[in-house]
Each structure stands twice: as structure tokens, then as C-alpha cells.
Amino acid sequence: YYTGSVKGRFIISRDNAKNTVYLEMISLKPEDTAGYYCASTRRPFMFG
């Protein structure tokens, strides 16, 4: 899932063997400047 302003520029992926989530960001813009935080859901198997 992506917010509209990053669709086509950012790609999220996960490697379950490494317990790691990634965010690949290309074509970065000044408005992308921010602190970026990862988060894990309250419950398992959440969608949508």
C-alpha cells in the first residue's frame, strides 16, 4: 500500500528471513524531506 504522492517512486519490501523491511526511494523530491519511521502492527495478519 502506498500514499499517492510516492506511488511509482517508492517501493516497500520485506525479507522475513532477515526480519527486515525496506523502503526503496527513487526520484526523491525536496518535499520528501522528513524523519522516516517504521512501525509494526498491534495485531498479526492485518490488511487493507
ModelCIF file with pLDDT and N, C-alpha, C, O atoms, coordinates in Angstrom:
data_MODEL
#
_entry.id   MODEL 
#
_entity.id                         1 
_entity.type                       polymer 
_entity.pdbx_number_of_molecules   1 
#
_entity_poly.entity_id                      1 
_entity_poly.type                           'polypeptide(L)' 
_entity_poly.nstd_linkage                   no 
_entity_poly.nstd_monomer                   no 
_entity_poly.pdbx_seq_one_letter_code       YYTGSVKGRFIISRDNAKNTVYLEMISLKPEDTAGYYCASTRRPFMFG 
_entity_poly.pdbx_seq_one_letter_code_can   YYTGSVKGRFIISRDNAKNTVYLEMISLKPEDTAGYYCASTRRPFMFG 
_entity_poly.pdbx_strand_id                 A 
#
loop_
_entity_poly_seq.entity_id 
_entity_poly_seq.num 
_entity_poly_seq.mon_id 
_entity_poly_seq.hetero 
1 1  TYR n 
1 2  TYR n 
1 3  THR n 
1 4  GLY n 
1 5  SER n 
1 6  VAL n 
1 7  LYS n 
1 8  GLY n 
1 9  ARG n 
1 10 PHE n 
1 11 ILE n 
1 12 ILE n 
1 13 SER n 
1 14 ARG n 
1 15 ASP n 
1 16 ASN n 
1 17 ALA n 
1 18 LYS n 
1 19 ASN n 
1 20 THR n 
1 21 VAL n 
1 22 TYR n 
1 23 LEU n 
1 24 GLU n 
1 25 MET n 
1 26 ILE n 
1 27 SER n 
1 28 LEU n 
1 29 LYS n 
1 30 PRO n 
1 31 GLU n 
1 32 ASP n 
1 33 THR n 
1 34 ALA n 
1 35 GLY n 
1 36 TYR n 
1 37 TYR n 
1 38 CYS n 
1 39 ALA n 
1 40 SER n 
1 41 THR n 
1 42 ARG n 
1 43 ARG n 
1 44 PRO n 
1 45 PHE n 
1 46 MET n 
1 47 PHE n 
1 48 GLY n 
#
_struct_asym.id          A 
_struct_asym.entity_id   1 
#
loop_
_ma_qa_metric.id 
_ma_qa_metric.mode 
_ma_qa_metric.name 
_ma_qa_metric.software_group_id 
_ma_qa_metric.type 
1 global pLDDT . pLDDT 
2 local  pLDDT . pLDDT 
#
_ma_qa_metric_global.metric_id      1 
_ma_qa_metric_global.metric_value   96.90 
_ma_qa_metric_global.model_id       1 
_ma_qa_metric_global.ordinal_id     1 
#
loop_
_ma_qa_metric_local.label_asym_id 
_ma_qa_metric_local.label_comp_id 
_ma_qa_metric_local.label_seq_id 
_ma_qa_metric_local.metric_id 
_ma_qa_metric_local.metric_value 
_ma_qa_metric_local.model_id 
_ma_qa_metric_local.ordinal_id 
A TYR 1  2 97.00 1 1  
A TYR 2  2 98.00 1 2  
A THR 3  2 97.00 1 3  
A GLY 4  2 96.00 1 4  
A SER 5  2 97.00 1 5  
A VAL 6  2 98.00 1 6  
A LYS 7  2 97.00 1 7  
A GLY 8  2 97.00 1 8  
A ARG 9  2 98.00 1 9  
A PHE 10 2 98.00 1 10 
A ILE 11 2 98.00 1 11 
A ILE 12 2 98.00 1 12 
A SER 13 2 98.00 1 13 
A ARG 14 2 98.00 1 14 
A ASP 15 2 97.00 1 15 
A ASN 16 2 97.00 1 16 
A ALA 17 2 97.00 1 17 
A LYS 18 2 97.00 1 18 
A ASN 19 2 97.00 1 19 
A THR 20 2 98.00 1 20 
A VAL 21 2 98.00 1 21 
A TYR 22 2 98.00 1 22 
A LEU 23 2 98.00 1 23 
A GLU 24 2 98.00 1 24 
A MET 25 2 98.00 1 25 
A ILE 26 2 98.00 1 26 
A SER 27 2 98.00 1 27 
A LEU 28 2 98.00 1 28 
A LYS 29 2 98.00 1 29 
A PRO 30 2 97.00 1 30 
A GLU 31 2 97.00 1 31 
A ASP 32 2 98.00 1 32 
A THR 33 2 98.00 1 33 
A ALA 34 2 98.00 1 34 
A GLY 35 2 98.00 1 35 
A TYR 36 2 98.00 1 36 
A TYR 37 2 98.00 1 37 
A CYS 38 2 98.00 1 38 
A ALA 39 2 98.00 1 39 
A SER 40 2 97.00 1 40 
A THR 41 2 96.00 1 41 
A ARG 42 2 95.00 1 42 
A ARG 43 2 94.00 1 43 
A PRO 44 2 94.00 1 44 
A PHE 45 2 94.00 1 45 
A MET 46 2 92.00 1 46 
A PHE 47 2 91.00 1 47 
A GLY 48 2 90.00 1 48 
#
loop_
_atom_site.group_PDB 
_atom_site.id 
_atom_site.type_symbol 
_atom_site.label_atom_id 
_atom_site.label_alt_id 
_atom_site.label_comp_id 
_atom_site.label_asym_id 
_atom_site.label_entity_id 
_atom_site.label_seq_id 
_atom_site.pdbx_PDB_ins_code 
_atom_site.Cartn_x 
_atom_site.Cartn_y 
_atom_site.Cartn_z 
_atom_site.occupancy 
_atom_site.B_iso_or_equiv 
_atom_site.pdbx_formal_charge 
_atom_site.auth_seq_id 
_atom_site.auth_comp_id 
_atom_site.auth_asym_id 
_atom_site.auth_atom_id 
_atom_site.pdbx_PDB_model_num 
ATOM 1   N N  . TYR A 1 1  ? 0.856  -1.179  0.000  1.00 97.00 ? 1  TYR A N  1 
ATOM 2   C CA . TYR A 1 1  ? 0.000  0.000   0.000  1.00 97.00 ? 1  TYR A CA 1 
ATOM 3   C C  . TYR A 1 1  ? 0.892  1.228   0.000  1.00 97.00 ? 1  TYR A C  1 
ATOM 4   O O  . TYR A 1 1  ? 1.937  1.248   0.651  1.00 97.00 ? 1  TYR A O  1 
ATOM 5   N N  . TYR A 1 2  ? 0.473  2.258   -0.737 1.00 98.00 ? 2  TYR A N  1 
ATOM 6   C CA . TYR A 1 2  ? 1.256  3.486   -0.840 1.00 98.00 ? 2  TYR A CA 1 
ATOM 7   C C  . TYR A 1 2  ? 0.347  4.706   -0.774 1.00 98.00 ? 2  TYR A C  1 
ATOM 8   O O  . TYR A 1 2  ? -0.793 4.670   -1.235 1.00 98.00 ? 2  TYR A O  1 
ATOM 9   N N  . THR A 1 3  ? 0.861  5.778   -0.200 1.00 97.00 ? 3  THR A N  1 
ATOM 10  C CA . THR A 1 3  ? 0.165  7.034   -0.332 1.00 97.00 ? 3  THR A CA 1 
ATOM 11  C C  . THR A 1 3  ? 0.406  7.572   -1.738 1.00 97.00 ? 3  THR A C  1 
ATOM 12  O O  . THR A 1 3  ? 1.410  7.250   -2.373 1.00 97.00 ? 3  THR A O  1 
ATOM 13  N N  . GLY A 1 4  ? -0.526 8.397   -2.215 1.00 96.00 ? 4  GLY A N  1 
ATOM 14  C CA . GLY A 1 4  ? -0.488 8.792   -3.613 1.00 96.00 ? 4  GLY A CA 1 
ATOM 15  C C  . GLY A 1 4  ? 0.781  9.509   -4.040 1.00 96.00 ? 4  GLY A C  1 
ATOM 16  O O  . GLY A 1 4  ? 1.243  9.329   -5.167 1.00 96.00 ? 4  GLY A O  1 
ATOM 17  N N  . SER A 1 5  ? 1.344  10.309  -3.166 1.00 97.00 ? 5  SER A N  1 
ATOM 18  C CA . SER A 1 5  ? 2.475  11.146  -3.555 1.00 97.00 ? 5  SER A CA 1 
ATOM 19  C C  . SER A 1 5  ? 3.767  10.355  -3.776 1.00 97.00 ? 5  SER A C  1 
ATOM 20  O O  . SER A 1 5  ? 4.729  10.891  -4.326 1.00 97.00 ? 5  SER A O  1 
ATOM 21  N N  . VAL A 1 6  ? 3.801  9.094   -3.358 1.00 98.00 ? 6  VAL A N  1 
ATOM 22  C CA . VAL A 1 6  ? 5.027  8.307   -3.527 1.00 98.00 ? 6  VAL A CA 1 
ATOM 23  C C  . VAL A 1 6  ? 4.843  7.145   -4.501 1.00 98.00 ? 6  VAL A C  1 
ATOM 24  O O  . VAL A 1 6  ? 5.806  6.444   -4.813 1.00 98.00 ? 6  VAL A O  1 
ATOM 25  N N  . LYS A 1 7  ? 3.646  6.937   -4.973 1.00 97.00 ? 7  LYS A N  1 
ATOM 26  C CA . LYS A 1 7  ? 3.410  5.829   -5.916 1.00 97.00 ? 7  LYS A CA 1 
ATOM 27  C C  . LYS A 1 7  ? 4.268  6.012   -7.161 1.00 97.00 ? 7  LYS A C  1 
ATOM 28  O O  . LYS A 1 7  ? 4.341  7.098   -7.736 1.00 97.00 ? 7  LYS A O  1 
ATOM 29  N N  . GLY A 1 8  ? 4.913  4.927   -7.560 1.00 97.00 ? 8  GLY A N  1 
ATOM 30  C CA . GLY A 1 8  ? 5.783  4.984   -8.730 1.00 97.00 ? 8  GLY A CA 1 
ATOM 31  C C  . GLY A 1 8  ? 7.208  5.419   -8.403 1.00 97.00 ? 8  GLY A C  1 
ATOM 32  O O  . GLY A 1 8  ? 8.100  5.312   -9.244 1.00 97.00 ? 8  GLY A O  1 
ATOM 33  N N  . ARG A 1 9  ? 7.424  5.909   -7.178 1.00 98.00 ? 9  ARG A N  1 
ATOM 34  C CA . ARG A 1 9  ? 8.777  6.348   -6.793 1.00 98.00 ? 9  ARG A CA 1 
ATOM 35  C C  . ARG A 1 9  ? 9.339  5.529   -5.631 1.00 98.00 ? 9  ARG A C  1 
ATOM 36  O O  . ARG A 1 9  ? 10.550 5.322   -5.550 1.00 98.00 ? 9  ARG A O  1 
ATOM 37  N N  . PHE A 1 10 ? 8.482  5.069   -4.743 1.00 98.00 ? 10 PHE A N  1 
ATOM 38  C CA . PHE A 1 10 ? 8.918  4.296   -3.573 1.00 98.00 ? 10 PHE A CA 1 
ATOM 39  C C  . PHE A 1 10 ? 8.455  2.847   -3.719 1.00 98.00 ? 10 PHE A C  1 
ATOM 40  O O  . PHE A 1 10 ? 7.383  2.578   -4.262 1.00 98.00 ? 10 PHE A O  1 
ATOM 41  N N  . ILE A 1 11 ? 9.268  1.929   -3.233 1.00 98.00 ? 11 ILE A N  1 
ATOM 42  C CA . ILE A 1 11 ? 8.902  0.517   -3.216 1.00 98.00 ? 11 ILE A CA 1 
ATOM 43  C C  . ILE A 1 11 ? 9.195  -0.048  -1.827 1.00 98.00 ? 11 ILE A C  1 
ATOM 44  O O  . ILE A 1 11 ? 10.314 0.050   -1.322 1.00 98.00 ? 11 ILE A O  1 
ATOM 45  N N  . ILE A 1 12 ? 8.163  -0.640  -1.221 1.00 98.00 ? 12 ILE A N  1 
ATOM 46  C CA . ILE A 1 12 ? 8.342  -1.291  0.069  1.00 98.00 ? 12 ILE A CA 1 
ATOM 47  C C  . ILE A 1 12 ? 8.501  -2.790  -0.162 1.00 98.00 ? 12 ILE A C  1 
ATOM 48  O O  . ILE A 1 12 ? 7.862  -3.371  -1.039 1.00 98.00 ? 12 ILE A O  1 
ATOM 49  N N  . SER A 1 13 ? 9.358  -3.395  0.638  1.00 98.00 ? 13 SER A N  1 
ATOM 50  C CA . SER A 1 13 ? 9.554  -4.843  0.534  1.00 98.00 ? 13 SER A CA 1 
ATOM 51  C C  . SER A 1 13 ? 9.937  -5.373  1.912  1.00 98.00 ? 13 SER A C  1 
ATOM 52  O O  . SER A 1 13 ? 10.267 -4.608  2.819  1.00 98.00 ? 13 SER A O  1 
ATOM 53  N N  . ARG A 1 14 ? 9.888  -6.671  2.048  1.00 98.00 ? 14 ARG A N  1 
ATOM 54  C CA . ARG A 1 14 ? 10.259 -7.279  3.311  1.00 98.00 ? 14 ARG A CA 1 
ATOM 55  C C  . ARG A 1 14 ? 11.043 -8.552  3.062  1.00 98.00 ? 14 ARG A C  1 
ATOM 56  O O  . ARG A 1 14 ? 10.816 -9.245  2.071  1.00 98.00 ? 14 ARG A O  1 
ATOM 57  N N  . ASP A 1 15 ? 11.957 -8.856  3.953  1.00 97.00 ? 15 ASP A N  1 
ATOM 58  C CA . ASP A 1 15 ? 12.725 -10.088 3.931  1.00 97.00 ? 15 ASP A CA 1 
ATOM 59  C C  . ASP A 1 15 ? 12.478 -10.773 5.267  1.00 97.00 ? 15 ASP A C  1 
ATOM 60  O O  . ASP A 1 15 ? 13.090 -10.421 6.275  1.00 97.00 ? 15 ASP A O  1 
ATOM 61  N N  . ASN A 1 16 ? 11.591 -11.739 5.271  1.00 97.00 ? 16 ASN A N  1 
ATOM 62  C CA . ASN A 1 16 ? 11.203 -12.381 6.527  1.00 97.00 ? 16 ASN A CA 1 
ATOM 63  C C  . ASN A 1 16 ? 12.361 -13.159 7.154  1.00 97.00 ? 16 ASN A C  1 
ATOM 64  O O  . ASN A 1 16 ? 12.416 -13.313 8.374  1.00 97.00 ? 16 ASN A O  1 
ATOM 65  N N  . ALA A 1 17 ? 13.272 -13.642 6.337  1.00 97.00 ? 17 ALA A N  1 
ATOM 66  C CA . ALA A 1 17 ? 14.424 -14.376 6.870  1.00 97.00 ? 17 ALA A CA 1 
ATOM 67  C C  . ALA A 1 17 ? 15.359 -13.454 7.661  1.00 97.00 ? 17 ALA A C  1 
ATOM 68  O O  . ALA A 1 17 ? 16.088 -13.902 8.546  1.00 97.00 ? 17 ALA A O  1 
ATOM 69  N N  . LYS A 1 18 ? 15.323 -12.157 7.326  1.00 97.00 ? 18 LYS A N  1 
ATOM 70  C CA . LYS A 1 18 ? 16.194 -11.188 7.989  1.00 97.00 ? 18 LYS A CA 1 
ATOM 71  C C  . LYS A 1 18 ? 15.425 -10.274 8.943  1.00 97.00 ? 18 LYS A C  1 
ATOM 72  O O  . LYS A 1 18 ? 15.999 -9.351  9.520  1.00 97.00 ? 18 LYS A O  1 
ATOM 73  N N  . ASN A 1 19 ? 14.125 -10.532 9.106  1.00 97.00 ? 19 ASN A N  1 
ATOM 74  C CA . ASN A 1 19 ? 13.290 -9.668  9.973  1.00 97.00 ? 19 ASN A CA 1 
ATOM 75  C C  . ASN A 1 19 ? 13.445 -8.200  9.606  1.00 97.00 ? 19 ASN A C  1 
ATOM 76  O O  . ASN A 1 19 ? 13.553 -7.340  10.480 1.00 97.00 ? 19 ASN A O  1 
ATOM 77  N N  . THR A 1 20 ? 13.454 -7.923  8.334  1.00 98.00 ? 20 THR A N  1 
ATOM 78  C CA . THR A 1 20 ? 13.751 -6.574  7.864  1.00 98.00 ? 20 THR A CA 1 
ATOM 79  C C  . THR A 1 20 ? 12.728 -6.114  6.835  1.00 98.00 ? 20 THR A C  1 
ATOM 80  O O  . THR A 1 20 ? 12.307 -6.879  5.966  1.00 98.00 ? 20 THR A O  1 
ATOM 81  N N  . VAL A 1 21 ? 12.339 -4.855  6.950  1.00 98.00 ? 21 VAL A N  1 
ATOM 82  C CA . VAL A 1 21 ? 11.507 -4.205  5.947  1.00 98.00 ? 21 VAL A CA 1 
ATOM 83  C C  . VAL A 1 21 ? 12.327 -3.081  5.326  1.00 98.00 ? 21 VAL A C  1 
ATOM 84  O O  . VAL A 1 21 ? 13.104 -2.408  6.003  1.00 98.00 ? 21 VAL A O  1 
ATOM 85  N N  . TYR A 1 22 ? 12.139 -2.896  4.033  1.00 98.00 ? 22 TYR A N  1 
ATOM 86  C CA . TYR A 1 22 ? 12.907 -1.901  3.284  1.00 98.00 ? 22 TYR A CA 1 
ATOM 87  C C  . TYR A 1 22 ? 11.971 -0.873  2.646  1.00 98.00 ? 22 TYR A C  1 
ATOM 88  O O  . TYR A 1 22 ? 10.798 -1.148  2.394  1.00 98.00 ? 22 TYR A O  1 
ATOM 89  N N  . LEU A 1 23 ? 12.512 0.297   2.396  1.00 98.00 ? 23 LEU A N  1 
ATOM 90  C CA . LEU A 1 23 ? 11.813 1.290   1.591  1.00 98.00 ? 23 LEU A CA 1 
ATOM 91  C C  . LEU A 1 23 ? 12.817 1.847   0.593  1.00 98.00 ? 23 LEU A C  1 
ATOM 92  O O  . LEU A 1 23 ? 13.715 2.610   0.950  1.00 98.00 ? 23 LEU A O  1 
ATOM 93  N N  . GLU A 1 24 ? 12.649 1.451   -0.661 1.00 98.00 ? 24 GLU A N  1 
ATOM 94  C CA . GLU A 1 24 ? 13.484 1.942   -1.740 1.00 98.00 ? 24 GLU A CA 1 
ATOM 95  C C  . GLU A 1 24 ? 12.848 3.214   -2.274 1.00 98.00 ? 24 GLU A C  1 
ATOM 96  O O  . GLU A 1 24 ? 11.686 3.218   -2.680 1.00 98.00 ? 24 GLU A O  1 
ATOM 97  N N  . MET A 1 25 ? 13.622 4.294   -2.267 1.00 98.00 ? 25 MET A N  1 
ATOM 98  C CA . MET A 1 25 ? 13.081 5.587   -2.684 1.00 98.00 ? 25 MET A CA 1 
ATOM 99  C C  . MET A 1 25 ? 13.907 6.120   -3.839 1.00 98.00 ? 25 MET A C  1 
ATOM 100 O O  . MET A 1 25 ? 15.124 6.275   -3.728 1.00 98.00 ? 25 MET A O  1 
ATOM 101 N N  . ILE A 1 26 ? 13.234 6.402   -4.957 1.00 98.00 ? 26 ILE A N  1 
ATOM 102 C CA . ILE A 1 26 ? 13.910 6.977   -6.117 1.00 98.00 ? 26 ILE A CA 1 
ATOM 103 C C  . ILE A 1 26 ? 13.232 8.290   -6.482 1.00 98.00 ? 26 ILE A C  1 
ATOM 104 O O  . ILE A 1 26 ? 12.163 8.619   -5.967 1.00 98.00 ? 26 ILE A O  1 
ATOM 105 N N  . SER A 1 27 ? 13.873 9.039   -7.385 1.00 98.00 ? 27 SER A N  1 
ATOM 106 C CA . SER A 1 27 ? 13.329 10.324  -7.842 1.00 98.00 ? 27 SER A CA 1 
ATOM 107 C C  . SER A 1 27 ? 12.886 11.177  -6.657 1.00 98.00 ? 27 SER A C  1 
ATOM 108 O O  . SER A 1 27 ? 11.788 11.734  -6.657 1.00 98.00 ? 27 SER A O  1 
ATOM 109 N N  . LEU A 1 28 ? 13.734 11.270  -5.669 1.00 98.00 ? 28 LEU A N  1 
ATOM 110 C CA . LEU A 1 28 ? 13.380 11.995  -4.446 1.00 98.00 ? 28 LEU A CA 1 
ATOM 111 C C  . LEU A 1 28 ? 13.186 13.478  -4.711 1.00 98.00 ? 28 LEU A C  1 
ATOM 112 O O  . LEU A 1 28 ? 13.855 14.068  -5.559 1.00 98.00 ? 28 LEU A O  1 
ATOM 113 N N  . LYS A 1 29 ? 12.272 14.060  -3.980 1.00 98.00 ? 29 LYS A N  1 
ATOM 114 C CA . LYS A 1 29 ? 11.914 15.469  -4.115 1.00 98.00 ? 29 LYS A CA 1 
ATOM 115 C C  . LYS A 1 29 ? 12.154 16.169  -2.773 1.00 98.00 ? 29 LYS A C  1 
ATOM 116 O O  . LYS A 1 29 ? 12.147 15.518  -1.729 1.00 98.00 ? 29 LYS A O  1 
ATOM 117 N N  . PRO A 1 30 ? 12.363 17.474  -2.795 1.00 97.00 ? 30 PRO A N  1 
ATOM 118 C CA . PRO A 1 30 ? 12.534 18.197  -1.525 1.00 97.00 ? 30 PRO A CA 1 
ATOM 119 C C  . PRO A 1 30 ? 11.369 17.988  -0.555 1.00 97.00 ? 30 PRO A C  1 
ATOM 120 O O  . PRO A 1 30 ? 11.567 17.985  0.660  1.00 97.00 ? 30 PRO A O  1 
ATOM 121 N N  . GLU A 1 31 ? 10.172 17.816  -1.078 1.00 97.00 ? 31 GLU A N  1 
ATOM 122 C CA . GLU A 1 31 ? 9.017  17.595  -0.203 1.00 97.00 ? 31 GLU A CA 1 
ATOM 123 C C  . GLU A 1 31 ? 9.016  16.223  0.456  1.00 97.00 ? 31 GLU A C  1 
ATOM 124 O O  . GLU A 1 31 ? 8.170  15.955  1.310  1.00 97.00 ? 31 GLU A O  1 
ATOM 125 N N  . ASP A 1 32 ? 9.935  15.356  0.083  1.00 98.00 ? 32 ASP A N  1 
ATOM 126 C CA . ASP A 1 32 ? 10.087 14.075  0.769  1.00 98.00 ? 32 ASP A CA 1 
ATOM 127 C C  . ASP A 1 32 ? 10.921 14.211  2.043  1.00 98.00 ? 32 ASP A C  1 
ATOM 128 O O  . ASP A 1 32 ? 11.039 13.258  2.814  1.00 98.00 ? 32 ASP A O  1 
ATOM 129 N N  . THR A 1 33 ? 11.490 15.380  2.262  1.00 98.00 ? 33 THR A N  1 
ATOM 130 C CA . THR A 1 33 ? 12.316 15.611  3.446  1.00 98.00 ? 33 THR A CA 1 
ATOM 131 C C  . THR A 1 33 ? 11.498 15.434  4.716  1.00 98.00 ? 33 THR A C  1 
ATOM 132 O O  . THR A 1 33 ? 10.470 16.086  4.896  1.00 98.00 ? 33 THR A O  1 
ATOM 133 N N  . ALA A 1 34 ? 11.960 14.547  5.597  1.00 98.00 ? 34 ALA A N  1 
ATOM 134 C CA . ALA A 1 34 ? 11.241 14.245  6.840  1.00 98.00 ? 34 ALA A CA 1 
ATOM 135 C C  . ALA A 1 34 ? 12.034 13.219  7.632  1.00 98.00 ? 34 ALA A C  1 
ATOM 136 O O  . ALA A 1 34 ? 12.989 12.626  7.130  1.00 98.00 ? 34 ALA A O  1 
ATOM 137 N N  . GLY A 1 35 ? 11.625 13.020  8.870  1.00 98.00 ? 35 GLY A N  1 
ATOM 138 C CA . GLY A 1 35 ? 12.056 11.848  9.611  1.00 98.00 ? 35 GLY A CA 1 
ATOM 139 C C  . GLY A 1 35 ? 11.179 10.683  9.193  1.00 98.00 ? 35 GLY A C  1 
ATOM 140 O O  . GLY A 1 35 ? 9.957  10.807  9.125  1.00 98.00 ? 35 GLY A O  1 
ATOM 141 N N  . TYR A 1 36 ? 11.808 9.552   8.915  1.00 98.00 ? 36 TYR A N  1 
ATOM 142 C CA . TYR A 1 36 ? 11.064 8.371   8.465  1.00 98.00 ? 36 TYR A CA 1 
ATOM 143 C C  . TYR A 1 36 ? 11.087 7.323   9.576  1.00 98.00 ? 36 TYR A C  1 
ATOM 144 O O  . TYR A 1 36 ? 12.135 7.008   10.140 1.00 98.00 ? 36 TYR A O  1 
ATOM 145 N N  . TYR A 1 37 ? 9.911  6.801   9.870  1.00 98.00 ? 37 TYR A N  1 
ATOM 146 C CA . TYR A 1 37 ? 9.735  5.873   10.983 1.00 98.00 ? 37 TYR A CA 1 
ATOM 147 C C  . TYR A 1 37 ? 9.114  4.571   10.489 1.00 98.00 ? 37 TYR A C  1 
ATOM 148 O O  . TYR A 1 37 ? 8.143  4.590   9.732  1.00 98.00 ? 37 TYR A O  1 
ATOM 149 N N  . CYS A 1 38 ? 9.666  3.462   10.909 1.00 98.00 ? 38 CYS A N  1 
ATOM 150 C CA . CYS A 1 38 ? 8.998  2.192   10.622 1.00 98.00 ? 38 CYS A CA 1 
ATOM 151 C C  . CYS A 1 38 ? 8.137  1.811   11.820 1.00 98.00 ? 38 CYS A C  1 
ATOM 152 O O  . CYS A 1 38 ? 8.380  2.249   12.944 1.00 98.00 ? 38 CYS A O  1 
ATOM 153 N N  . ALA A 1 39 ? 7.131  0.992   11.555 1.00 98.00 ? 39 ALA A N  1 
ATOM 154 C CA . ALA A 1 39 ? 6.173  0.617   12.585 1.00 98.00 ? 39 ALA A CA 1 
ATOM 155 C C  . ALA A 1 39 ? 5.667  -0.793  12.331 1.00 98.00 ? 39 ALA A C  1 
ATOM 156 O O  . ALA A 1 39 ? 5.639  -1.272  11.197 1.00 98.00 ? 39 ALA A O  1 
ATOM 157 N N  . SER A 1 40 ? 5.266  -1.450  13.426 1.00 97.00 ? 40 SER A N  1 
ATOM 158 C CA . SER A 1 40 ? 4.750  -2.820  13.381 1.00 97.00 ? 40 SER A CA 1 
ATOM 159 C C  . SER A 1 40 ? 3.359  -2.841  13.996 1.00 97.00 ? 40 SER A C  1 
ATOM 160 O O  . SER A 1 40 ? 3.115  -2.209  15.024 1.00 97.00 ? 40 SER A O  1 
ATOM 161 N N  . THR A 1 41 ? 2.444  -3.575  13.357 1.00 96.00 ? 41 THR A N  1 
ATOM 162 C CA . THR A 1 41 ? 1.044  -3.518  13.752 1.00 96.00 ? 41 THR A CA 1 
ATOM 163 C C  . THR A 1 41 ? 0.752  -4.115  15.127 1.00 96.00 ? 41 THR A C  1 
ATOM 164 O O  . THR A 1 41 ? 1.514  -4.927  15.652 1.00 96.00 ? 41 THR A O  1 
ATOM 165 N N  . ARG A 1 42 ? -0.380 -3.683  15.692 1.00 95.00 ? 42 ARG A N  1 
ATOM 166 C CA . ARG A 1 42 ? -0.816 -4.152  17.015 1.00 95.00 ? 42 ARG A CA 1 
ATOM 167 C C  . ARG A 1 42 ? -1.193 -5.621  16.991 1.00 95.00 ? 42 ARG A C  1 
ATOM 168 O O  . ARG A 1 42 ? -0.974 -6.350  17.958 1.00 95.00 ? 42 ARG A O  1 
ATOM 169 N N  . ARG A 1 43 ? -1.765 -6.046  15.867 1.00 94.00 ? 43 ARG A N  1 
ATOM 170 C CA . ARG A 1 43 ? -2.232 -7.431  15.768 1.00 94.00 ? 43 ARG A CA 1 
ATOM 171 C C  . ARG A 1 43 ? -1.631 -8.069  14.532 1.00 94.00 ? 43 ARG A C  1 
ATOM 172 O O  . ARG A 1 43 ? -1.302 -7.372  13.572 1.00 94.00 ? 43 ARG A O  1 
ATOM 173 N N  . PRO A 1 44 ? -1.482 -9.396  14.544 1.00 94.00 ? 44 PRO A N  1 
ATOM 174 C CA . PRO A 1 44 ? -0.979 -10.058 13.334 1.00 94.00 ? 44 PRO A CA 1 
ATOM 175 C C  . PRO A 1 44 ? -2.027 -10.093 12.232 1.00 94.00 ? 44 PRO A C  1 
ATOM 176 O O  . PRO A 1 44 ? -3.223 -9.944  12.482 1.00 94.00 ? 44 PRO A O  1 
ATOM 177 N N  . PHE A 1 45 ? -1.558 -10.291 11.024 1.00 94.00 ? 45 PHE A N  1 
ATOM 178 C CA . PHE A 1 45 ? -2.409 -10.540 9.854  1.00 94.00 ? 45 PHE A CA 1 
ATOM 179 C C  . PHE A 1 45 ? -3.415 -9.423  9.594  1.00 94.00 ? 45 PHE A C  1 
ATOM 180 O O  . PHE A 1 45 ? -4.570 -9.687  9.260  1.00 94.00 ? 45 PHE A O  1 
ATOM 181 N N  . MET A 1 46 ? -2.984 -8.201  9.745  1.00 92.00 ? 46 MET A N  1 
ATOM 182 C CA . MET A 1 46 ? -3.826 -7.053  9.394  1.00 92.00 ? 46 MET A CA 1 
ATOM 183 C C  . MET A 1 46 ? -3.632 -6.700  7.935  1.00 92.00 ? 46 MET A C  1 
ATOM 184 O O  . MET A 1 46 ? -2.542 -6.856  7.384  1.00 92.00 ? 46 MET A O  1 
ATOM 185 N N  . PHE A 1 47 ? -4.717 -6.214  7.303  1.00 91.00 ? 47 PHE A N  1 
ATOM 186 C CA . PHE A 1 47 ? -4.675 -5.862  5.886  1.00 91.00 ? 47 PHE A CA 1 
ATOM 187 C C  . PHE A 1 47 ? -5.473 -4.596  5.659  1.00 91.00 ? 47 PHE A C  1 
ATOM 188 O O  . PHE A 1 47 ? -6.236 -4.162  6.523  1.00 91.00 ? 47 PHE A O  1 
ATOM 189 N N  . GLY A 1 48 ? -5.289 -4.006  4.485  1.00 90.00 ? 48 GLY A N  1 
ATOM 190 C CA . GLY A 1 48 ? -6.202 -3.005  3.986  1.00 90.00 ? 48 GLY A CA 1 
ATOM 191 C C  . GLY A 1 48 ? -6.008 -1.614  4.534  1.00 90.00 ? 48 GLY A C  1 
ATOM 192 O O  . GLY A 1 48 ? -6.741 -0.697  4.164  1.00 90.00 ? 48 GLY A O  1 
#
